[in-house]
Amino acid sequence: MTGNDRREIVVQERDRQLLRELSLMRVVDREQAKVVAGFRSTTRANARLLGLTRAGLLKRFFLGTTAGGRKALYAISAKGAQLVGLPARGPRRRNDEALATDFFVQHQLAVNEIYCTLKYCPIPLAGVSFGRWLNFYEPLTSGLRLIPDGYLELQTPAGIAAFFLEVDLGHEGLSVWKEKVRNYLQCALSGEFGRRFGVNRFRVLVLANSERRLISIRKVIAAMTEKIFWLATFEAVKRDGFFSSIWLRPKGEERLPLMQGNPPEHP
């Protein structure tokens, strides 16, 4: 497909939904597109994604896989963003560009997995429902060098449960984590969080790409605080579920469920 291959398409509400979500998620693979747009057939999803790409509403590029193949990825184009009246915040890649690796894209896809799980999959807890999700494109405040990977609110019988999300794929040094911990503690103790989000307390959820990496991050956190932080691995989330007893606190060896009936605590 060349950059001049543009074909007309009748835009459906499902397409608009995909474009709106892409403005938030930045980049998706086919499986994530199926989830947020409600495709039940892989064949139909492939055909529609191709049609939207040819119509200039999506940008498509490819990322190499560990098996030696390549995966098609999609981002909203300027034309697609204009159609739904939202910013085009996807990665700046050329149409049909093939990339051997891309840490930004890999990281964003991992964040998207959590977003899709929480927004589009049933939450197996009575009275708990998805509230809202925010992404950040600049530091939380001018005084904090902190850009969380996401912010989540869940509606619970005990009130709003608020969480920041940090996804770690092992690409950052542990010194970065020391700075993150300091900034989150400052955010909690200064009252800035309550002023900005209208919620008094929050947790920070850390998802690591391996148990070994989780242990390394946990040691850094435990040296600075025993509060706020909850840690798990992506493998545990996929195996047991996001709300299962997979979460570790900075200290202690008991694996805990994420929700235990009370809104999150501050230090």
C-alpha atoms as a PDB file:
ATOM      1  CA  MET A   1       0.000   0.000   0.000  1.00  0.00           C
ATOM      2  CA  THR A   2       1.399   3.389  -0.895  1.00  0.00           C
ATOM      3  CA  GLY A   3       0.819   6.718   0.808  1.00  0.00           C
ATOM      4  CA  ASN A   4      -1.456   7.778  -2.074  1.00  0.00           C
ATOM      5  CA  ASP A   5      -3.747   4.756  -1.835  1.00  0.00           C
ATOM      6  CA  ARG A   6      -6.824   6.333  -0.221  1.00  0.00           C
ATOM      7  CA  ARG A   7     -10.231   4.752  -0.516  1.00  0.00           C
ATOM      8  CA  GLU A   8     -13.603   6.005   0.653  1.00  0.00           C
ATOM      9  CA  ILE A   9     -15.239   4.167   3.514  1.00  0.00           C
ATOM     10  CA  VAL A  10     -18.561   4.471   5.307  1.00  0.00           C
ATOM     11  CA  VAL A  11     -17.567   5.229   8.890  1.00  0.00           C
ATOM     12  CA  GLN A  12     -19.545   3.260  11.467  1.00  0.00           C
ATOM     13  CA  GLU A  13     -19.943   3.917  15.189  1.00  0.00           C
ATOM     14  CA  ARG A  14     -17.597   1.002  15.855  1.00  0.00           C
ATOM     15  CA  ASP A  15     -14.932   2.785  13.809  1.00  0.00           C
ATOM     16  CA  ARG A  16     -15.451   5.990  15.774  1.00  0.00           C
ATOM     17  CA  GLN A  17     -15.124   4.030  18.994  1.00  0.00           C
ATOM     18  CA  LEU A  18     -11.809   2.596  17.833  1.00  0.00           C
ATOM     19  CA  LEU A  19     -10.535   6.030  16.831  1.00  0.00           C
ATOM     20  CA  ARG A  20     -11.555   7.563  20.158  1.00  0.00           C
ATOM     21  CA  GLU A  21      -9.777   4.819  22.055  1.00  0.00           C
ATOM     22  CA  LEU A  22      -6.692   5.138  19.871  1.00  0.00           C
ATOM     23  CA  SER A  23      -6.409   8.796  20.805  1.00  0.00           C
ATOM     24  CA  LEU A  24      -5.988   7.589  24.400  1.00  0.00           C
ATOM     25  CA  MET A  25      -4.132   4.308  23.841  1.00  0.00           C
ATOM     26  CA  ARG A  26      -1.786   5.736  21.170  1.00  0.00           C
ATOM     27  CA  VAL A  27      -1.088   2.415  19.456  1.00  0.00           C
ATOM     28  CA  VAL A  28      -2.811  -0.977  19.377  1.00  0.00           C
ATOM     29  CA  ASP A  29      -2.301  -4.391  17.875  1.00  0.00           C
ATOM     30  CA  ARG A  30      -5.130  -6.343  16.294  1.00  0.00           C
ATOM     31  CA  GLU A  31      -6.174  -8.079  19.496  1.00  0.00           C
ATOM     32  CA  GLN A  32      -6.461  -4.819  21.393  1.00  0.00           C
ATOM     33  CA  ALA A  33      -8.392  -3.290  18.493  1.00  0.00           C
ATOM     34  CA  LYS A  34     -10.815  -6.221  18.647  1.00  0.00           C
ATOM     35  CA  VAL A  35     -11.417  -5.615  22.337  1.00  0.00           C
ATOM     36  CA  VAL A  36     -12.040  -1.861  22.258  1.00  0.00           C
ATOM     37  CA  ALA A  37     -14.047  -1.863  19.005  1.00  0.00           C
ATOM     38  CA  GLY A  38     -16.055  -4.979  19.794  1.00  0.00           C
ATOM     39  CA  PHE A  39     -14.896  -7.168  16.899  1.00  0.00           C
ATOM     40  CA  ARG A  40     -15.756 -10.812  17.518  1.00  0.00           C
ATOM     41  CA  SER A  41     -14.250 -12.120  14.294  1.00  0.00           C
ATOM     42  CA  THR A  42     -10.543 -11.901  13.528  1.00  0.00           C
ATOM     43  CA  THR A  43     -11.320 -11.972   9.810  1.00  0.00           C
ATOM     44  CA  ARG A  44     -13.672  -8.999  10.104  1.00  0.00           C
ATOM     45  CA  ALA A  45     -11.215  -7.135  12.303  1.00  0.00           C
ATOM     46  CA  ASN A  46      -8.419  -7.619   9.764  1.00  0.00           C
ATOM     47  CA  ALA A  47     -10.615  -6.442   6.909  1.00  0.00           C
ATOM     48  CA  ARG A  48     -11.855  -3.383   8.776  1.00  0.00           C
ATOM     49  CA  LEU A  49      -8.418  -2.344   9.998  1.00  0.00           C
ATOM     50  CA  LEU A  50      -7.137  -2.605   6.442  1.00  0.00           C
ATOM     51  CA  GLY A  51     -10.081  -0.557   5.167  1.00  0.00           C
ATOM     52  CA  LEU A  52      -9.561   2.171   7.765  1.00  0.00           C
ATOM     53  CA  THR A  53      -5.864   2.254   6.946  1.00  0.00           C
ATOM     54  CA  ARG A  54      -6.504   2.566   3.218  1.00  0.00           C
ATOM     55  CA  ALA A  55      -9.016   5.334   3.923  1.00  0.00           C
ATOM     56  CA  GLY A  56      -6.309   7.262   5.754  1.00  0.00           C
ATOM     57  CA  LEU A  57      -8.007   7.106   9.162  1.00  0.00           C
ATOM     58  CA  LEU A  58      -5.384   4.795  10.641  1.00  0.00           C
ATOM     59  CA  LYS A  59      -1.629   4.571  10.307  1.00  0.00           C
ATOM     60  CA  ARG A  60      -0.152   1.078  10.152  1.00  0.00           C
ATOM     61  CA  PHE A  61       3.380  -0.060  10.844  1.00  0.00           C
ATOM     62  CA  PHE A  62       5.048  -3.328  11.778  1.00  0.00           C
ATOM     63  CA  LEU A  63       7.085  -4.521  14.738  1.00  0.00           C
ATOM     64  CA  GLY A  64       9.308  -7.589  14.783  1.00  0.00           C
ATOM     65  CA  THR A  65       8.317 -10.483  17.067  1.00  0.00           C
ATOM     66  CA  THR A  66      10.456 -12.862  19.102  1.00  0.00           C
ATOM     67  CA  ALA A  67       9.393 -15.680  16.771  1.00  0.00           C
ATOM     68  CA  GLY A  68      10.984 -13.894  13.827  1.00  0.00           C
ATOM     69  CA  GLY A  69       7.764 -12.664  12.265  1.00  0.00           C
ATOM     70  CA  ARG A  70       6.199  -9.236  12.428  1.00  0.00           C
ATOM     71  CA  LYS A  71       3.070  -7.793  14.020  1.00  0.00           C
ATOM     72  CA  ALA A  72       0.884  -5.096  12.490  1.00  0.00           C
ATOM     73  CA  LEU A  73       0.257  -2.122  14.769  1.00  0.00           C
ATOM     74  CA  TYR A  74      -2.178   0.750  14.311  1.00  0.00           C
ATOM     75  CA  ALA A  75      -2.277   4.389  15.393  1.00  0.00           C
ATOM     76  CA  ILE A  76      -4.776   7.136  14.700  1.00  0.00           C
ATOM     77  CA  SER A  77      -3.893   9.408  11.784  1.00  0.00           C
ATOM     78  CA  ALA A  78      -4.390  13.174  11.653  1.00  0.00           C
ATOM     79  CA  LYS A  79      -7.440  12.567   9.467  1.00  0.00           C
ATOM     80  CA  GLY A  80      -8.860  10.046  11.930  1.00  0.00           C
ATOM     81  CA  ALA A  81      -8.255  12.386  14.855  1.00  0.00           C
ATOM     82  CA  GLN A  82     -10.021  15.196  13.040  1.00  0.00           C
ATOM     83  CA  LEU A  83     -13.018  12.949  12.400  1.00  0.00           C
ATOM     84  CA  VAL A  84     -13.583  12.321  16.129  1.00  0.00           C
ATOM     85  CA  GLY A  85     -12.343  15.706  17.318  1.00  0.00           C
ATOM     86  CA  LEU A  86      -9.494  14.369  19.438  1.00  0.00           C
ATOM     87  CA  PRO A  87      -5.685  14.724  19.415  1.00  0.00           C
ATOM     88  CA  ALA A  88      -3.517  12.347  17.377  1.00  0.00           C
ATOM     89  CA  ARG A  89      -1.073  11.144  20.011  1.00  0.00           C
ATOM     90  CA  GLY A  90       0.217   8.000  18.340  1.00  0.00           C
ATOM     91  CA  PRO A  91       3.890   7.248  17.694  1.00  0.00           C
ATOM     92  CA  ARG A  92       5.377   9.077  14.762  1.00  0.00           C
ATOM     93  CA  ARG A  93       6.106   6.201  12.441  1.00  0.00           C
ATOM     94  CA  ARG A  94       5.808   6.055   8.664  1.00  0.00           C
ATOM     95  CA  ASN A  95       3.013   4.046   7.098  1.00  0.00           C
ATOM     96  CA  ASP A  96       4.109   0.436   6.631  1.00  0.00           C
ATOM     97  CA  GLU A  97       7.427   1.110   8.366  1.00  0.00           C
ATOM     98  CA  ALA A  98       9.006  -2.096   9.718  1.00  0.00           C
ATOM     99  CA  LEU A  99      10.765  -1.814  13.088  1.00  0.00           C
ATOM    100  CA  ALA A 100      13.045  -4.420  14.638  1.00  0.00           C
ATOM    101  CA  THR A 101      12.288  -3.118  18.132  1.00  0.00           C
ATOM    102  CA  ASP A 102      10.641  -0.099  19.707  1.00  0.00           C
ATOM    103  CA  PHE A 103      10.683   0.281  23.506  1.00  0.00           C
ATOM    104  CA  PHE A 104       8.051   3.029  23.512  1.00  0.00           C
ATOM    105  CA  VAL A 105       5.606   0.918  21.525  1.00  0.00           C
ATOM    106  CA  GLN A 106       6.265  -2.218  23.595  1.00  0.00           C
ATOM    107  CA  HIS A 107       5.702  -0.256  26.783  1.00  0.00           C
ATOM    108  CA  GLN A 108       2.495   1.348  25.529  1.00  0.00           C
ATOM    109  CA  LEU A 109       1.085  -1.995  24.402  1.00  0.00           C
ATOM    110  CA  ALA A 110       1.738  -3.347  27.912  1.00  0.00           C
ATOM    111  CA  VAL A 111      -0.083  -0.383  29.474  1.00  0.00           C
ATOM    112  CA  ASN A 112      -2.944  -0.953  27.032  1.00  0.00           C
ATOM    113  CA  GLU A 113      -3.270  -4.570  28.150  1.00  0.00           C
ATOM    114  CA  ILE A 114      -4.098  -3.386  31.658  1.00  0.00           C
ATOM    115  CA  TYR A 115      -6.485  -0.751  30.350  1.00  0.00           C
ATOM    116  CA  CYS A 116      -8.356  -3.302  28.228  1.00  0.00           C
ATOM    117  CA  THR A 117      -8.523  -5.752  31.122  1.00  0.00           C
ATOM    118  CA  LEU A 118     -10.007  -3.232  33.522  1.00  0.00           C
ATOM    119  CA  LYS A 119     -12.393  -1.417  31.191  1.00  0.00           C
ATOM    120  CA  TYR A 120     -13.615  -4.200  28.925  1.00  0.00           C
ATOM    121  CA  CYS A 121     -13.438  -7.369  31.030  1.00  0.00           C
ATOM    122  CA  PRO A 122     -15.886  -8.139  33.875  1.00  0.00           C
ATOM    123  CA  ILE A 123     -14.590  -7.186  37.318  1.00  0.00           C
ATOM    124  CA  PRO A 124     -15.138 -10.251  39.554  1.00  0.00           C
ATOM    125  CA  LEU A 125     -15.971  -8.237  42.677  1.00  0.00           C
ATOM    126  CA  ALA A 126     -19.452  -7.385  43.878  1.00  0.00           C
ATOM    127  CA  GLY A 127     -20.242  -3.698  43.632  1.00  0.00           C
ATOM    128  CA  VAL A 128     -16.961  -2.757  41.922  1.00  0.00           C
ATOM    129  CA  SER A 129     -17.019  -1.126  38.497  1.00  0.00           C
ATOM    130  CA  PHE A 130     -14.688   0.739  36.183  1.00  0.00           C
ATOM    131  CA  GLY A 131     -14.725   4.494  36.753  1.00  0.00           C
ATOM    132  CA  ARG A 132     -12.251   6.358  34.629  1.00  0.00           C
ATOM    133  CA  TRP A 133      -8.756   6.145  33.182  1.00  0.00           C
ATOM    134  CA  LEU A 134      -6.370   9.003  32.487  1.00  0.00           C
ATOM    135  CA  ASN A 135      -3.112   9.087  30.565  1.00  0.00           C
ATOM    136  CA  PHE A 136      -0.485  11.749  31.140  1.00  0.00           C
ATOM    137  CA  TYR A 137       1.612  13.596  28.579  1.00  0.00           C
ATOM    138  CA  GLU A 138       3.454  15.926  30.953  1.00  0.00           C
ATOM    139  CA  PRO A 139       4.465  15.851  34.654  1.00  0.00           C
ATOM    140  CA  LEU A 140       1.663  15.810  37.214  1.00  0.00           C
ATOM    141  CA  THR A 141       2.763  19.198  38.520  1.00  0.00           C
ATOM    142  CA  SER A 142       5.565  21.616  37.794  1.00  0.00           C
ATOM    143  CA  GLY A 143       7.242  20.541  41.020  1.00  0.00           C
ATOM    144  CA  LEU A 144       7.122  16.783  40.312  1.00  0.00           C
ATOM    145  CA  ARG A 145       9.197  15.119  37.614  1.00  0.00           C
ATOM    146  CA  LEU A 146       6.651  12.351  37.436  1.00  0.00           C
ATOM    147  CA  ILE A 147       4.636  11.091  34.459  1.00  0.00           C
ATOM    148  CA  PRO A 148       2.648   8.005  35.527  1.00  0.00           C
ATOM    149  CA  ASP A 149       1.811   5.366  32.947  1.00  0.00           C
ATOM    150  CA  GLY A 150      -1.850   5.711  33.820  1.00  0.00           C
ATOM    151  CA  TYR A 151      -4.402   6.659  36.448  1.00  0.00           C
ATOM    152  CA  LEU A 152      -7.388   4.481  37.277  1.00  0.00           C
ATOM    153  CA  GLU A 153     -10.482   4.951  39.394  1.00  0.00           C
ATOM    154  CA  LEU A 154     -12.788   2.124  40.429  1.00  0.00           C
ATOM    155  CA  GLN A 155     -16.217   2.653  41.944  1.00  0.00           C
ATOM    156  CA  THR A 156     -16.566   0.495  45.073  1.00  0.00           C
ATOM    157  CA  PRO A 157     -19.112   0.179  47.900  1.00  0.00           C
ATOM    158  CA  ALA A 158     -16.552   1.903  50.150  1.00  0.00           C
ATOM    159  CA  GLY A 159     -16.002   4.822  47.768  1.00  0.00           C
ATOM    160  CA  ILE A 160     -13.663   5.635  44.907  1.00  0.00           C
ATOM    161  CA  ALA A 161     -10.479   3.571  44.807  1.00  0.00           C
ATOM    162  CA  ALA A 162      -7.727   5.478  42.995  1.00  0.00           C
ATOM    163  CA  PHE A 163      -4.581   3.980  41.509  1.00  0.00           C
ATOM    164  CA  PHE A 164      -1.589   5.177  39.568  1.00  0.00           C
ATOM    165  CA  LEU A 165      -0.051   2.585  37.256  1.00  0.00           C
ATOM    166  CA  GLU A 166       3.635   1.982  36.610  1.00  0.00           C
ATOM    167  CA  VAL A 167       4.606  -0.609  33.985  1.00  0.00           C
ATOM    168  CA  ASP A 168       8.221  -1.794  34.082  1.00  0.00           C
ATOM    169  CA  LEU A 169       9.670  -3.850  31.230  1.00  0.00           C
ATOM    170  CA  GLY A 170      13.227  -3.655  32.543  1.00  0.00           C
ATOM    171  CA  HIS A 171      14.362  -0.777  30.337  1.00  0.00           C
ATOM    172  CA  GLU A 172      15.060   1.723  33.157  1.00  0.00           C
ATOM    173  CA  GLY A 173      17.765   1.796  35.802  1.00  0.00           C
ATOM    174  CA  LEU A 174      16.806   1.387  39.452  1.00  0.00           C
ATOM    175  CA  SER A 175      17.926   4.969  40.130  1.00  0.00           C
ATOM    176  CA  VAL A 176      14.862   6.037  38.152  1.00  0.00           C
ATOM    177  CA  TRP A 177      12.730   4.128  40.632  1.00  0.00           C
ATOM    178  CA  LYS A 178      14.210   6.017  43.581  1.00  0.00           C
ATOM    179  CA  GLU A 179      13.079   9.248  41.976  1.00  0.00           C
ATOM    180  CA  LYS A 180       9.635   7.838  41.226  1.00  0.00           C
ATOM    181  CA  VAL A 181       9.140   6.746  44.829  1.00  0.00           C
ATOM    182  CA  ARG A 182      10.192  10.166  46.148  1.00  0.00           C
ATOM    183  CA  ASN A 183       7.796  11.896  43.777  1.00  0.00           C
ATOM    184  CA  TYR A 184       4.834   9.680  44.632  1.00  0.00           C
ATOM    185  CA  LEU A 185       5.435  10.193  48.346  1.00  0.00           C
ATOM    186  CA  GLN A 186       5.617  13.935  47.827  1.00  0.00           C
ATOM    187  CA  CYS A 187       2.388  13.830  45.817  1.00  0.00           C
ATOM    188  CA  ALA A 188       0.653  11.980  48.649  1.00  0.00           C
ATOM    189  CA  LEU A 189       1.983  14.038  51.553  1.00  0.00           C
ATOM    190  CA  SER A 190       1.653  17.475  49.954  1.00  0.00           C
ATOM    191  CA  GLY A 191      -2.099  17.237  49.403  1.00  0.00           C
ATOM    192  CA  GLU A 192      -1.595  17.890  45.689  1.00  0.00           C
ATOM    193  CA  PHE A 193      -3.270  14.637  44.736  1.00  0.00           C
ATOM    194  CA  GLY A 194      -6.489  15.473  46.566  1.00  0.00           C
ATOM    195  CA  ARG A 195      -6.621  18.951  45.071  1.00  0.00           C
ATOM    196  CA  ARG A 196      -6.192  17.684  41.532  1.00  0.00           C
ATOM    197  CA  PHE A 197      -8.228  14.475  41.543  1.00  0.00           C
ATOM    198  CA  GLY A 198     -10.823  15.089  44.213  1.00  0.00           C
ATOM    199  CA  VAL A 199      -9.909  11.831  45.977  1.00  0.00           C
ATOM    200  CA  ASN A 200      -8.037  11.709  49.260  1.00  0.00           C
ATOM    201  CA  ARG A 201      -5.962   8.546  48.860  1.00  0.00           C
ATOM    202  CA  PHE A 202      -4.292   6.431  46.209  1.00  0.00           C
ATOM    203  CA  ARG A 203      -2.137   3.398  45.600  1.00  0.00           C
ATOM    204  CA  VAL A 204       0.631   2.921  43.058  1.00  0.00           C
ATOM    205  CA  LEU A 205       0.376  -0.361  41.157  1.00  0.00           C
ATOM    206  CA  VAL A 206       3.683  -1.633  39.798  1.00  0.00           C
ATOM    207  CA  LEU A 207       3.607  -4.325  37.128  1.00  0.00           C
ATOM    208  CA  ALA A 208       6.963  -5.876  36.272  1.00  0.00           C
ATOM    209  CA  ASN A 209       7.947  -8.121  33.390  1.00  0.00           C
ATOM    210  CA  SER A 210       9.507 -10.766  35.664  1.00  0.00           C
ATOM    211  CA  GLU A 211       9.669 -11.879  39.285  1.00  0.00           C
ATOM    212  CA  ARG A 212      13.356 -10.999  39.377  1.00  0.00           C
ATOM    213  CA  ARG A 213      12.668  -7.458  38.231  1.00  0.00           C
ATOM    214  CA  LEU A 214       9.827  -7.151  40.744  1.00  0.00           C
ATOM    215  CA  ILE A 215      12.171  -8.117  43.585  1.00  0.00           C
ATOM    216  CA  SER A 216      14.735  -5.508  42.491  1.00  0.00           C
ATOM    217  CA  ILE A 217      12.149  -2.724  42.343  1.00  0.00           C
ATOM    218  CA  ARG A 218      10.622  -3.830  45.639  1.00  0.00           C
ATOM    219  CA  LYS A 219      13.950  -3.482  47.432  1.00  0.00           C
ATOM    220  CA  VAL A 220      14.245   0.110  46.233  1.00  0.00           C
ATOM    221  CA  ILE A 221      10.709   0.920  47.382  1.00  0.00           C
ATOM    222  CA  ALA A 222      11.044  -0.856  50.751  1.00  0.00           C
ATOM    223  CA  ALA A 223      14.120   1.235  51.615  1.00  0.00           C
ATOM    224  CA  MET A 224      11.949   4.361  51.345  1.00  0.00           C
ATOM    225  CA  THR A 225       8.405   3.401  52.371  1.00  0.00           C
ATOM    226  CA  GLU A 226       6.141   0.522  53.354  1.00  0.00           C
ATOM    227  CA  LYS A 227       3.033   2.322  52.108  1.00  0.00           C
ATOM    228  CA  ILE A 228       1.194   3.069  48.853  1.00  0.00           C
ATOM    229  CA  PHE A 229       2.965   0.581  46.556  1.00  0.00           C
ATOM    230  CA  TRP A 230       1.536  -2.764  45.410  1.00  0.00           C
ATOM    231  CA  LEU A 231       3.594  -4.960  43.080  1.00  0.00           C
ATOM    232  CA  ALA A 232       2.843  -7.889  40.771  1.00  0.00           C
ATOM    233  CA  THR A 233       4.045  -9.379  37.489  1.00  0.00           C
ATOM    234  CA  PHE A 234       2.298  -9.474  34.129  1.00  0.00           C
ATOM    235  CA  GLU A 235       2.581 -13.257  34.206  1.00  0.00           C
ATOM    236  CA  ALA A 236       0.632 -13.396  37.483  1.00  0.00           C
ATOM    237  CA  VAL A 237      -2.066 -11.085  36.104  1.00  0.00           C
ATOM    238  CA  LYS A 238      -2.502 -13.273  33.024  1.00  0.00           C
ATOM    239  CA  ARG A 239      -2.426 -16.499  35.022  1.00  0.00           C
ATOM    240  CA  ASP A 240      -4.580 -15.620  38.050  1.00  0.00           C
ATOM    241  CA  GLY A 241      -6.349 -12.365  37.259  1.00  0.00           C
ATOM    242  CA  PHE A 242      -5.815  -8.730  38.158  1.00  0.00           C
ATOM    243  CA  PHE A 243      -7.830  -8.852  41.382  1.00  0.00           C
ATOM    244  CA  SER A 244      -6.480 -12.174  42.653  1.00  0.00           C
ATOM    245  CA  SER A 245      -4.002 -12.702  45.493  1.00  0.00           C
ATOM    246  CA  ILE A 246      -0.949 -11.820  43.430  1.00  0.00           C
ATOM    247  CA  TRP A 247       0.108  -8.480  44.949  1.00  0.00           C
ATOM    248  CA  LEU A 248       3.098  -7.880  47.201  1.00  0.00           C
ATOM    249  CA  ARG A 249       3.594  -4.896  49.471  1.00  0.00           C
ATOM    250  CA  PRO A 250       7.058  -3.357  49.872  1.00  0.00           C
ATOM    251  CA  LYS A 251       7.605  -5.586  52.932  1.00  0.00           C
ATOM    252  CA  GLY A 252       6.159  -8.985  53.808  1.00  0.00           C
ATOM    253  CA  GLU A 253       5.815 -12.143  51.769  1.00  0.00           C
ATOM    254  CA  GLU A 254       2.045 -12.604  51.743  1.00  0.00           C
ATOM    255  CA  ARG A 255       0.416 -12.247  48.325  1.00  0.00           C
ATOM    256  CA  LEU A 256      -2.705 -10.124  48.699  1.00  0.00           C
ATOM    257  CA  PRO A 257      -5.811  -9.434  46.635  1.00  0.00           C
ATOM    258  CA  LEU A 258      -5.935  -5.885  45.327  1.00  0.00           C
ATOM    259  CA  MET A 259      -9.317  -4.998  46.830  1.00  0.00           C
ATOM    260  CA  GLN A 260     -10.121  -5.805  50.437  1.00  0.00           C
ATOM    261  CA  GLY A 261     -13.156  -3.620  50.979  1.00  0.00           C
ATOM    262  CA  ASN A 262     -11.446  -0.351  51.877  1.00  0.00           C
ATOM    263  CA  PRO A 263     -10.318   2.634  49.776  1.00  0.00           C
ATOM    264  CA  PRO A 264      -6.517   2.800  49.333  1.00  0.00           C
ATOM    265  CA  GLU A 265      -4.322   4.252  52.039  1.00  0.00           C
ATOM    266  CA  HIS A 266      -1.787   7.032  52.127  1.00  0.00           C
ATOM    267  CA  PRO A 267       1.475   6.879  54.023  1.00  0.00           C
END
